[in-house]
Every structure is written in structure tokens, then in C-alpha cells.
């Protein structure tokens, strides 16, 4: 009997000492210390810095009959697509004199975003870049930052951006979910105006017909996702690069394009100082747009016998092909996006860009129809180059 009792005590002790990692994770993706607000719950308090230089709390909005807390972000195409409609809601209700306030909160930690998750955005989700994004998009509502500790995101149960929570005069939750049902910027794609309908119902003294909806958008970038970013960086740092020879006819075929991908084609050489100095910006660009229909193609002017040197440099820069476009490269009958050009310089100019005067480096951005969208001779400015790419490819998802 004593042996049985001892065994039971030891077993109980081992169970109580089990690590937190053994606990089941929430199926909705929220951290263990986050909660989901139920309809009727009181609005959680917050104390967050705003892009206006002030610290904002829930009490700052006590005078509004209705308060909408909208979690949005700089980087997410879904969130960006909703911005004009969010601004319109605020403007429409202000024009009507309605007692309504909307406060936006960015829940994301920028260090938890992989480079390829920024392919639809000019900006990261840092506090400083929130100011730039809000100014460019003319936000007409407060924009607060929760990325350091993510206390508000956990208190409200922010699943994604956008995710909105509407509270009545008693600051009880009356609606939560999507702002509306569209992932696209075109207002004609909206079929149900869920959040607006809830606001208008409450202002009219009517019950909210639909109190909860499913959210759509980019998942909240919790602090724990930093490990994913580190793993992605490690993968790129060790990714192999294949280098092949190419002649003028091959360059002409690449320039002609004919795929649905946008191509950034760079002429460079390991002996070219400007080429070497600009290359990190090219590699950064390739990673940024790695989840989109985009590819970086490099044409080295090194001699073919310098293949190992070219390969070593490209691998040191993380110039491997993103996983997303590997199937399309294979479908074209190609095995790489990294080449050594073997023909005459004059033939290269004719094949790639007849307006090019000849100096290296030279970079062109080619549309799917083969047109050159943007060109630059000499060392590129990374931000200028990425702005040109984003301007052409757009900040939003596009309907099929």
C-alpha cells in the first residue's frame, strides 16, 4: 500500500512539473495568454503610443456613443485594401454628426515578419513606418502601435488584420469580425458591409443583425514568430545557386518574357565595384517579392572560367530562386536565373535594352508582355527600385 501511495505521489509530481510546451495550443492561432472576447464583453483597456506622439487609452474615447477598435497593419494587402472603406466610414459618420469614433491599432511586431511577407507593401510594421504609411494614405483616425508587448492584441483576441471590434455606449462588445467581406480594394467587390451595418443599426437604436463574422487577412505577427524569421534567414543563407552560360538569343528570350512574372534583369560582374556594392539591394528585392509573380535574373559579364567565383558570390548574397517560382522556371525549360553571358557586348545591348549605352551595372524591369517598365544604369537605389516594382504590381490582391 505504501509503495502504491509513493508511486501515485511521484506520478502527480511529474504531471505538475510538465513544461508549458506540453499544453495544447489554441486552434485559432492566439497565444496561450490571449483571450477571445465574447459578445457583451467590456472593452479591454489599453495604453499605447500613437503616431501623433501621444499616449492613448480607452478613456480618451469615452465621449463617443460608439467606439470601433480596428486592428490594421501597414504590410497586409487585405488590410491596405480596406483602408479607403474604413476612411469613408469615418468621414460619412462625421458628416452626419454621428457620435462615433474609430481607433486603429497595429498589432504586429516587425521583427516577426519575413521579408517575403512585405511584398505588397512599401513599409514594414514598425512604429516609425506607421507614421509614413498613415501620412501617405491620409488616415483620418488615430493609429496606435501595439507591436512591442502586443497586450491589446491579446486582450481583444486579434486574429488578423483587419479585425474590428464595435462597442456601444456602455463599452460592451456588439460586433466583432471582418470590416466587410472583400479582400480587394475595389468597393464594387464588397457584397456585405458587416461593420458598417452594425454601426448603423446601433446608431438607429436597433439590434445588430449579424454580431460576429469570420475574419480574413494576414495573421497577427506574434512575437513568437521571430523564430520563423530566423529559420527563413538561415535557409536563404545556405541556399545553393546554379550558374549557367547564356548567349544573346537566350537573353532575348528572357527579355521577351511571355510569362505572368515581372522580371528584374541585372547585368553585373564580380570585377565591377558598383555591381558588388548594389547587389545586396537586388537580393533584398528578390526576397521581398518572393511570394509574388516576380523574379530576379542576373547576367554576369565574368568569363565562363570564373563560374565558381560567380557562384560563390551569388550564394553569399542569398541569390537563390524563391520556392514559389521554381515550378515556373522549370516549366520554361530553364534551371536557373543566374547566368554568365558569353556573347558580344553589342549583341547583349540589342537583346536586352537598345537604349542602354553600355556601362555596367545595368538593370531593367520587364513586364509580362516584354515591355521595359523601369531602367537604371549604374548603382541602383534600392528604395527607388522597389517603389517602381510595387507601383506596377500593386499593393492589393487582384480578383481573378
Protein backbone atom coordinates (compact mmCIF):
# COMPACT_ATOMS: atom_id res chain seq x y z
CA UNK A 1 0.00 0.00 0.00
CA UNK A 2 2.89 2.37 0.89
CA UNK A 3 4.56 1.58 -2.43
CA UNK A 4 1.34 2.36 -4.32
CA UNK A 5 0.92 5.65 -2.45
CA UNK A 6 4.53 6.62 -3.20
CA UNK A 7 4.01 5.82 -6.88
CA UNK A 8 0.86 7.96 -7.05
CA UNK A 9 2.60 10.90 -5.37
CA UNK A 10 5.56 10.69 -7.77
CA UNK A 11 3.26 10.47 -10.76
CA UNK A 12 1.29 13.51 -9.65
CA UNK A 13 4.54 15.41 -9.12
CA UNK A 14 5.78 14.60 -12.60
CA UNK A 15 2.48 15.69 -14.12
CA UNK A 16 2.53 19.01 -12.29
CA UNK A 17 6.12 19.59 -13.44
CA UNK A 18 5.26 19.11 -17.11
CA UNK A 19 6.57 22.01 -19.22
CA UNK A 20 4.23 24.65 -20.61
CA UNK A 21 5.21 23.49 -24.10
CA UNK A 22 3.18 20.33 -23.48
CA UNK A 23 -0.03 22.34 -23.13
CA UNK A 24 -2.32 22.21 -26.16
CA UNK A 25 -2.14 25.34 -28.34
CA UNK A 26 -5.25 27.32 -29.18
CA UNK A 27 -6.66 26.21 -32.50
CA UNK A 28 -7.34 29.81 -33.56
CA UNK A 29 -3.65 30.74 -33.53
CA UNK A 30 -3.84 33.01 -30.49
CA UNK A 31 -1.07 32.79 -27.87
CA UNK A 32 -1.89 30.96 -24.66
CA UNK A 33 -2.17 34.23 -22.70
CA UNK A 34 -4.62 35.79 -25.19
CA UNK A 35 -8.40 35.76 -24.92
CA UNK A 36 -11.34 35.84 -27.29
CA UNK A 37 -13.90 38.49 -26.48
CA UNK A 38 -17.48 37.27 -26.39
CA UNK A 39 -20.36 39.49 -27.50
CA UNK A 40 -21.35 41.55 -24.46
CA UNK A 41 -17.82 41.67 -23.03
CA UNK A 42 -16.49 45.02 -21.78
CA UNK A 43 -13.87 46.78 -23.89
CA UNK A 44 -10.39 45.97 -22.59
CA UNK A 45 -8.33 48.98 -21.60
CA UNK A 46 -5.11 49.86 -23.41
CA UNK A 47 -2.25 52.31 -23.11
CA UNK A 48 -0.48 52.67 -26.44
CA UNK A 49 1.64 55.18 -28.34
CA UNK A 50 0.01 56.87 -31.30
CA UNK A 51 1.63 58.25 -34.43
CA UNK A 52 0.55 61.69 -33.17
CA UNK A 53 3.16 61.49 -30.39
CA UNK A 54 0.57 60.97 -27.65
CA UNK A 55 -0.21 58.00 -25.42
CA UNK A 56 -3.76 56.77 -25.95
CA UNK A 57 -6.04 54.93 -23.53
CA UNK A 58 -9.58 53.63 -23.73
CA UNK A 59 -10.76 56.52 -21.54
CA UNK A 60 -9.66 59.01 -24.19
CA UNK A 61 -12.65 57.90 -26.27
CA UNK A 62 -15.28 57.92 -23.52
CA UNK A 63 -17.40 60.62 -25.13
CA UNK A 64 -18.26 58.66 -28.28
CA UNK A 65 -21.55 56.78 -28.29
CA UNK A 66 -19.94 54.05 -30.39
CA UNK A 67 -16.30 53.01 -30.47
CA UNK A 68 -14.75 50.79 -33.11
CA UNK A 69 -11.33 49.31 -32.41
CA UNK A 70 -9.87 48.25 -35.75
CA UNK A 71 -6.68 46.19 -35.88
CA UNK A 72 -4.93 47.00 -39.16
CA UNK A 73 -1.36 46.96 -40.45
CA UNK A 74 0.99 48.56 -42.96
CA UNK A 75 2.09 45.40 -44.73
CA UNK A 76 -1.02 43.31 -45.29
CA UNK A 77 -2.69 43.62 -48.74
CA UNK A 78 -6.06 42.73 -47.22
CA UNK A 79 -5.70 45.49 -44.64
CA UNK A 80 -4.46 48.01 -47.19
CA UNK A 81 -7.38 47.18 -49.47
CA UNK A 82 -9.84 48.08 -46.69
CA UNK A 83 -8.25 51.44 -45.83
CA UNK A 84 -10.29 53.57 -48.23
CA UNK A 85 -13.53 51.99 -47.00
CA UNK A 86 -12.52 52.49 -43.36
CA UNK A 87 -11.74 56.14 -44.06
CA UNK A 88 -15.06 56.52 -45.85
CA UNK A 89 -16.98 55.12 -42.88
CA UNK A 90 -15.27 57.62 -40.56
CA UNK A 91 -15.87 60.51 -42.98
CA UNK A 92 -19.51 59.59 -43.66
CA UNK A 93 -20.41 59.38 -39.97
CA UNK A 94 -18.56 62.60 -39.19
CA UNK A 95 -20.53 64.35 -41.92
CA UNK A 96 -23.77 63.04 -40.39
CA UNK A 97 -22.70 64.24 -36.95
CA UNK A 98 -22.87 60.73 -35.51
CA UNK A 99 -21.24 60.10 -32.14
CA UNK A 100 -18.78 57.54 -33.47
CA UNK A 101 -15.02 57.10 -33.09
CA UNK A 102 -12.70 54.64 -34.77
CA UNK A 103 -9.25 53.96 -33.39
CA UNK A 104 -6.84 51.74 -35.33
CA UNK A 105 -4.18 49.57 -33.71
CA UNK A 106 -1.26 47.86 -35.42
CA UNK A 107 -0.77 44.57 -33.50
CA UNK A 108 2.28 43.30 -35.38
CA UNK A 109 5.87 43.03 -34.26
CA UNK A 110 8.02 43.94 -37.29
CA UNK A 111 10.77 41.50 -36.32
CA UNK A 112 8.22 38.69 -36.73
CA UNK A 113 7.68 39.42 -40.43
CA UNK A 114 9.64 37.51 -43.06
CA UNK A 115 10.94 39.66 -45.95
CA UNK A 116 8.58 37.96 -48.41
CA UNK A 117 5.59 38.94 -46.27
CA UNK A 118 6.30 42.56 -47.23
CA UNK A 119 5.80 42.04 -50.94
CA UNK A 120 2.61 44.09 -51.10
CA UNK A 121 3.81 46.99 -49.02
CA UNK A 122 6.23 49.86 -49.21
CA UNK A 123 6.59 49.75 -45.44
CA UNK A 124 7.24 47.36 -42.59
CA UNK A 125 5.03 47.39 -39.48
CA UNK A 126 7.43 49.41 -37.33
CA UNK A 127 6.16 52.42 -35.41
CA UNK A 128 8.23 54.87 -37.47
CA UNK A 129 6.97 53.41 -40.73
CA UNK A 130 3.38 53.53 -39.46
CA UNK A 131 3.76 57.31 -39.46
CA UNK A 132 4.91 57.30 -43.07
CA UNK A 133 2.19 54.94 -44.23
CA UNK A 134 -0.57 56.83 -42.44
CA UNK A 135 0.60 60.14 -43.88
CA UNK A 136 0.74 58.78 -47.43
CA UNK A 137 -2.72 57.23 -47.12
CA UNK A 138 -4.23 60.27 -45.33
CA UNK A 139 -5.62 58.37 -42.36
CA UNK A 140 -8.49 60.26 -40.69
CA UNK A 141 -8.37 58.25 -37.46
CA UNK A 142 -5.85 57.61 -34.66
CA UNK A 143 -3.26 54.91 -35.40
CA UNK A 144 -1.65 53.20 -32.39
CA UNK A 145 1.25 50.77 -32.04
CA UNK A 146 0.94 47.53 -30.04
CA UNK A 147 3.86 45.62 -31.55
CA UNK A 148 6.23 45.76 -28.58
CA UNK A 149 4.21 43.80 -26.00
CA UNK A 150 1.02 43.08 -28.01
CA UNK A 151 -1.08 43.47 -24.87
CA UNK A 152 -4.05 44.99 -26.69
CA UNK A 153 -3.98 42.35 -29.43
CA UNK A 154 -4.05 39.63 -26.77
CA UNK A 155 -6.77 41.34 -24.74
CA UNK A 156 -9.03 41.75 -27.76
CA UNK A 157 -8.11 38.45 -29.41
CA UNK A 158 -6.85 39.94 -32.66
CA UNK A 159 -6.64 37.10 -35.18
CA UNK A 160 -5.63 39.05 -38.27
CA UNK A 161 -5.50 42.41 -39.95
CA UNK A 162 -8.09 43.73 -40.47
CA UNK A 163 -10.10 42.63 -37.42
CA UNK A 164 -12.65 45.04 -35.93
CA UNK A 165 -14.49 45.26 -32.61
CA UNK A 166 -17.52 47.55 -32.14
CA UNK A 167 -18.61 48.71 -28.67
CA UNK A 168 -21.76 50.52 -27.59
CA UNK A 169 -22.10 53.49 -25.22
CA UNK A 170 -21.56 51.20 -22.23
CA UNK A 171 -18.48 49.84 -23.98
CA UNK A 172 -19.99 46.39 -24.38
CA UNK A 173 -18.97 44.42 -27.45
CA UNK A 174 -21.78 44.38 -30.00
CA UNK A 175 -19.96 43.26 -33.17
CA UNK A 176 -16.64 41.58 -33.98
CA UNK A 177 -15.10 40.20 -37.14
CA UNK A 178 -14.37 41.43 -40.65
CA UNK A 179 -14.77 45.05 -41.70
CA UNK A 180 -16.57 43.74 -44.78
CA UNK A 181 -16.44 40.62 -46.92
CA UNK A 182 -13.98 41.79 -49.61
CA UNK A 183 -10.23 41.19 -49.79
CA UNK A 184 -9.93 43.64 -52.68
CA UNK A 185 -9.64 47.42 -52.96
CA UNK A 186 -12.46 47.91 -55.47
CA UNK A 187 -15.61 48.82 -53.48
CA UNK A 188 -17.69 47.07 -56.14
CA UNK A 189 -16.34 43.75 -54.83
CA UNK A 190 -18.00 44.29 -51.42
CA UNK A 191 -21.19 42.27 -51.02
CA UNK A 192 -21.83 42.60 -47.29
CA UNK A 193 -20.89 45.71 -45.28
CA UNK A 194 -20.77 43.89 -41.94
CA UNK A 195 -19.14 46.52 -39.70
CA UNK A 196 -20.96 49.46 -41.28
CA UNK A 197 -24.29 47.64 -40.91
CA UNK A 198 -23.60 47.06 -37.22
CA UNK A 199 -22.71 50.73 -36.66
CA UNK A 200 -25.81 51.98 -38.45
CA UNK A 201 -28.06 49.57 -36.54
CA UNK A 202 -26.75 50.73 -33.16
CA UNK A 203 -26.98 54.41 -34.10
CA UNK A 204 -30.60 53.79 -35.07
CA UNK A 205 -31.32 52.03 -31.76
CA UNK A 206 -31.78 48.68 -33.44
CA UNK A 207 -30.21 45.31 -32.62
CA UNK A 208 -27.20 44.18 -34.63
CA UNK A 209 -28.44 41.55 -37.07
CA UNK A 210 -25.07 39.83 -37.52
CA UNK A 211 -22.93 40.06 -34.39
CA UNK A 212 -19.92 38.02 -35.48
CA UNK A 213 -18.27 37.25 -38.79
CA UNK A 214 -15.17 35.35 -39.83
CA UNK A 215 -12.09 37.49 -40.38
CA UNK A 216 -9.93 37.46 -43.49
CA UNK A 217 -6.47 38.92 -43.88
CA UNK A 218 -2.91 38.41 -42.66
CA UNK A 219 -2.48 36.59 -39.37
CA UNK A 220 -1.21 38.59 -36.42
CA UNK A 221 2.58 38.57 -36.33
CA UNK A 222 3.09 37.49 -32.73
CA UNK A 223 6.48 37.83 -31.05
CA UNK A 224 6.87 34.06 -31.14
CA UNK A 225 7.12 34.18 -34.94
CA UNK A 226 10.61 35.68 -34.69
CA UNK A 227 11.91 32.12 -34.71
CA UNK A 228 10.29 31.56 -38.12
CA UNK A 229 12.05 34.63 -39.48
CA UNK A 230 15.40 33.40 -38.15
CA UNK A 231 14.82 30.00 -39.75
CA UNK A 232 13.95 31.64 -43.07
CA UNK A 233 17.12 33.76 -42.92
CA UNK A 234 19.15 30.62 -42.28
CA UNK A 235 17.57 28.86 -45.25
CA UNK A 236 18.45 31.70 -47.60
CA UNK A 237 21.99 31.97 -46.24
CA UNK A 238 22.66 28.34 -47.19
CA UNK A 239 20.65 28.04 -50.40
CA UNK A 240 22.64 26.83 -53.45
CA UNK A 241 22.77 28.82 -56.70
CA UNK A 242 23.26 27.21 -60.10
CA UNK A 243 25.12 29.25 -62.71
CA UNK A 244 24.87 28.58 -66.45
CA UNK A 245 26.16 30.22 -69.63
CA UNK A 246 23.78 32.17 -71.84
CA UNK A 247 24.11 33.78 -75.29
CA UNK A 248 22.34 36.77 -76.85
CA UNK A 249 19.47 34.63 -78.14
CA UNK A 250 18.86 33.32 -74.62
CA UNK A 251 18.87 36.85 -73.23
CA UNK A 252 16.40 37.96 -75.91
CA UNK A 253 14.05 35.12 -74.94
CA UNK A 254 14.23 36.13 -71.29
CA UNK A 255 13.63 39.77 -72.16
CA UNK A 256 10.63 38.81 -74.34
CA UNK A 257 9.18 37.25 -71.19
CA UNK A 258 5.79 35.84 -72.16
CA UNK A 259 5.12 34.64 -68.60
CA UNK A 260 2.91 36.28 -65.98
CA UNK A 261 6.01 37.20 -63.96
CA UNK A 262 7.62 40.61 -63.66
CA UNK A 263 11.36 40.27 -64.29
CA UNK A 264 14.15 42.34 -62.79
CA UNK A 265 17.19 41.72 -65.01
CA UNK A 266 20.57 42.88 -63.77
CA UNK A 267 23.85 42.96 -65.72
CA UNK A 268 26.83 42.78 -63.40
CA UNK A 269 30.30 41.30 -62.81
CA UNK A 270 32.39 40.32 -59.83
CA UNK A 271 35.12 42.75 -61.01
CA UNK A 272 32.65 45.66 -61.06
CA UNK A 273 32.78 47.54 -57.73
CA UNK A 274 29.38 49.22 -58.20
CA UNK A 275 27.85 45.85 -59.12
CA UNK A 276 29.12 44.23 -55.95
CA UNK A 277 28.03 47.17 -53.79
CA UNK A 278 24.49 47.27 -55.18
CA UNK A 279 23.88 43.52 -55.09
CA UNK A 280 22.51 43.35 -51.52
CA UNK A 281 19.67 45.62 -52.66
CA UNK A 282 18.89 43.27 -55.54
CA UNK A 283 18.87 40.25 -53.22
CA UNK A 284 16.70 42.12 -50.72
CA UNK A 285 14.27 42.94 -53.51
CA UNK A 286 14.10 39.32 -54.69
CA UNK A 287 13.23 38.17 -51.17
CA UNK A 288 10.69 40.93 -50.62
CA UNK A 289 8.69 39.90 -53.67
CA UNK A 290 9.37 36.19 -53.22
CA UNK A 291 5.69 35.28 -52.79
CA UNK A 292 4.57 37.21 -55.87
CA UNK A 293 4.94 36.67 -59.62
CA UNK A 294 8.38 38.24 -59.66
CA UNK A 295 11.91 37.06 -60.34
CA UNK A 296 15.44 38.42 -60.31
CA UNK A 297 17.57 37.30 -63.25
CA UNK A 298 21.28 38.09 -63.21
CA UNK A 299 23.62 38.24 -66.20
CA UNK A 300 27.28 38.19 -65.22
CA UNK A 301 29.92 39.59 -67.58
CA UNK A 302 32.63 37.46 -65.97
CA UNK A 303 34.48 34.98 -68.14
CA UNK A 304 32.96 31.47 -68.19
CA UNK A 305 36.01 30.08 -66.39
CA UNK A 306 35.11 32.31 -63.43
CA UNK A 307 31.91 30.31 -62.85
CA UNK A 308 32.93 29.13 -59.38
CA UNK A 309 33.70 32.71 -58.33
CA UNK A 310 30.34 33.92 -59.64
CA UNK A 311 28.53 31.08 -57.91
CA UNK A 312 30.32 31.73 -54.61
CA UNK A 313 29.41 35.42 -54.71
CA UNK A 314 25.75 34.81 -55.57
CA UNK A 315 25.38 32.24 -52.79
CA UNK A 316 26.98 34.66 -50.32
CA UNK A 317 24.28 37.18 -51.30
CA UNK A 318 21.36 34.75 -50.92
CA UNK A 319 20.54 34.96 -54.62
CA UNK A 320 18.76 31.59 -54.86
CA UNK A 321 15.44 31.20 -56.65
CA UNK A 322 12.41 31.59 -54.32
CA UNK A 323 10.42 28.39 -53.92
CA UNK A 324 7.29 29.97 -55.40
CA UNK A 325 8.74 30.47 -58.86
CA UNK A 326 10.84 27.33 -59.14
CA UNK A 327 7.99 25.45 -60.93
CA UNK A 328 7.55 28.27 -63.46
CA UNK A 329 11.28 28.40 -64.18
CA UNK A 330 11.25 24.64 -64.76
CA UNK A 331 8.18 24.93 -66.99
CA UNK A 332 10.11 27.36 -69.20
CA UNK A 333 12.81 24.74 -69.63
CA UNK A 334 15.29 26.70 -67.55
CA UNK A 335 17.14 25.51 -64.45
CA UNK A 336 18.42 28.79 -63.08
CA UNK A 337 18.04 32.58 -63.00
CA UNK A 338 21.80 33.15 -62.70
CA UNK A 339 23.83 33.33 -65.89
CA UNK A 340 27.23 34.19 -67.35
CA UNK A 341 26.84 35.99 -70.65
CA UNK A 342 29.10 34.59 -73.40
CA UNK A 343 28.42 36.80 -76.44
CA UNK A 344 29.50 40.28 -77.56
CA UNK A 345 28.52 43.34 -75.56
CA UNK A 346 26.88 44.88 -78.62
CA UNK A 347 24.65 41.84 -79.08
CA UNK A 348 23.74 41.95 -75.37
CA UNK A 349 22.60 45.55 -75.69
CA UNK A 350 20.45 44.71 -78.71
CA UNK A 351 18.93 41.69 -76.95
CA UNK A 352 18.27 43.32 -73.58
CA UNK A 353 17.82 47.07 -73.89
CA UNK A 354 18.70 49.03 -77.05
CA UNK A 355 18.52 52.28 -75.05
CA UNK A 356 21.37 51.10 -72.81
CA UNK A 357 24.59 53.00 -73.56
CA UNK A 358 26.82 50.16 -72.35
CA UNK A 359 28.26 50.86 -68.86
CA UNK A 360 27.82 48.25 -66.13
CA UNK A 361 25.84 47.67 -63.94
CA UNK A 362 22.58 47.98 -65.84
CA UNK A 363 19.14 46.98 -64.58
CA UNK A 364 15.78 46.72 -66.32
CA UNK A 365 12.33 45.84 -65.00
CA UNK A 366 10.38 43.89 -67.60
CA UNK A 367 6.60 43.44 -67.67
CA UNK A 368 4.96 40.11 -68.61
CA UNK A 369 4.46 41.43 -72.16
CA UNK A 370 8.17 42.23 -72.55
CA UNK A 371 7.91 46.00 -72.13
CA UNK A 372 10.56 47.71 -70.01
CA UNK A 373 8.75 49.37 -67.11
CA UNK A 374 11.83 50.85 -65.47
CA UNK A 375 15.54 51.00 -66.26
CA UNK A 376 18.60 52.23 -64.43
CA UNK A 377 22.24 52.44 -65.40
CA UNK A 378 24.78 52.48 -62.58
CA UNK A 379 24.31 51.52 -58.96
CA UNK A 380 20.62 51.24 -58.07
CA UNK A 381 18.80 52.93 -55.23
CA UNK A 382 17.00 50.04 -53.56
CA UNK A 383 14.01 52.02 -52.36
CA UNK A 384 13.51 53.67 -55.74
CA UNK A 385 13.70 50.29 -57.45
CA UNK A 386 11.25 48.62 -55.07
CA UNK A 387 8.87 51.57 -55.37
CA UNK A 388 8.85 51.11 -59.16
CA UNK A 389 8.12 47.40 -58.77
CA UNK A 390 5.34 47.95 -56.24
CA UNK A 391 3.81 50.73 -58.30
CA UNK A 392 3.47 48.34 -61.21
CA UNK A 393 2.47 45.21 -59.27
CA UNK A 394 0.16 46.97 -56.81
CA UNK A 395 -0.47 46.92 -53.05
CA UNK A 396 -3.54 44.70 -53.16
CA UNK A 397 -4.73 41.29 -54.18
CA UNK A 398 -6.41 41.35 -57.57
CA UNK A 399 -9.59 39.42 -58.38
CA UNK A 400 -9.05 36.51 -60.78
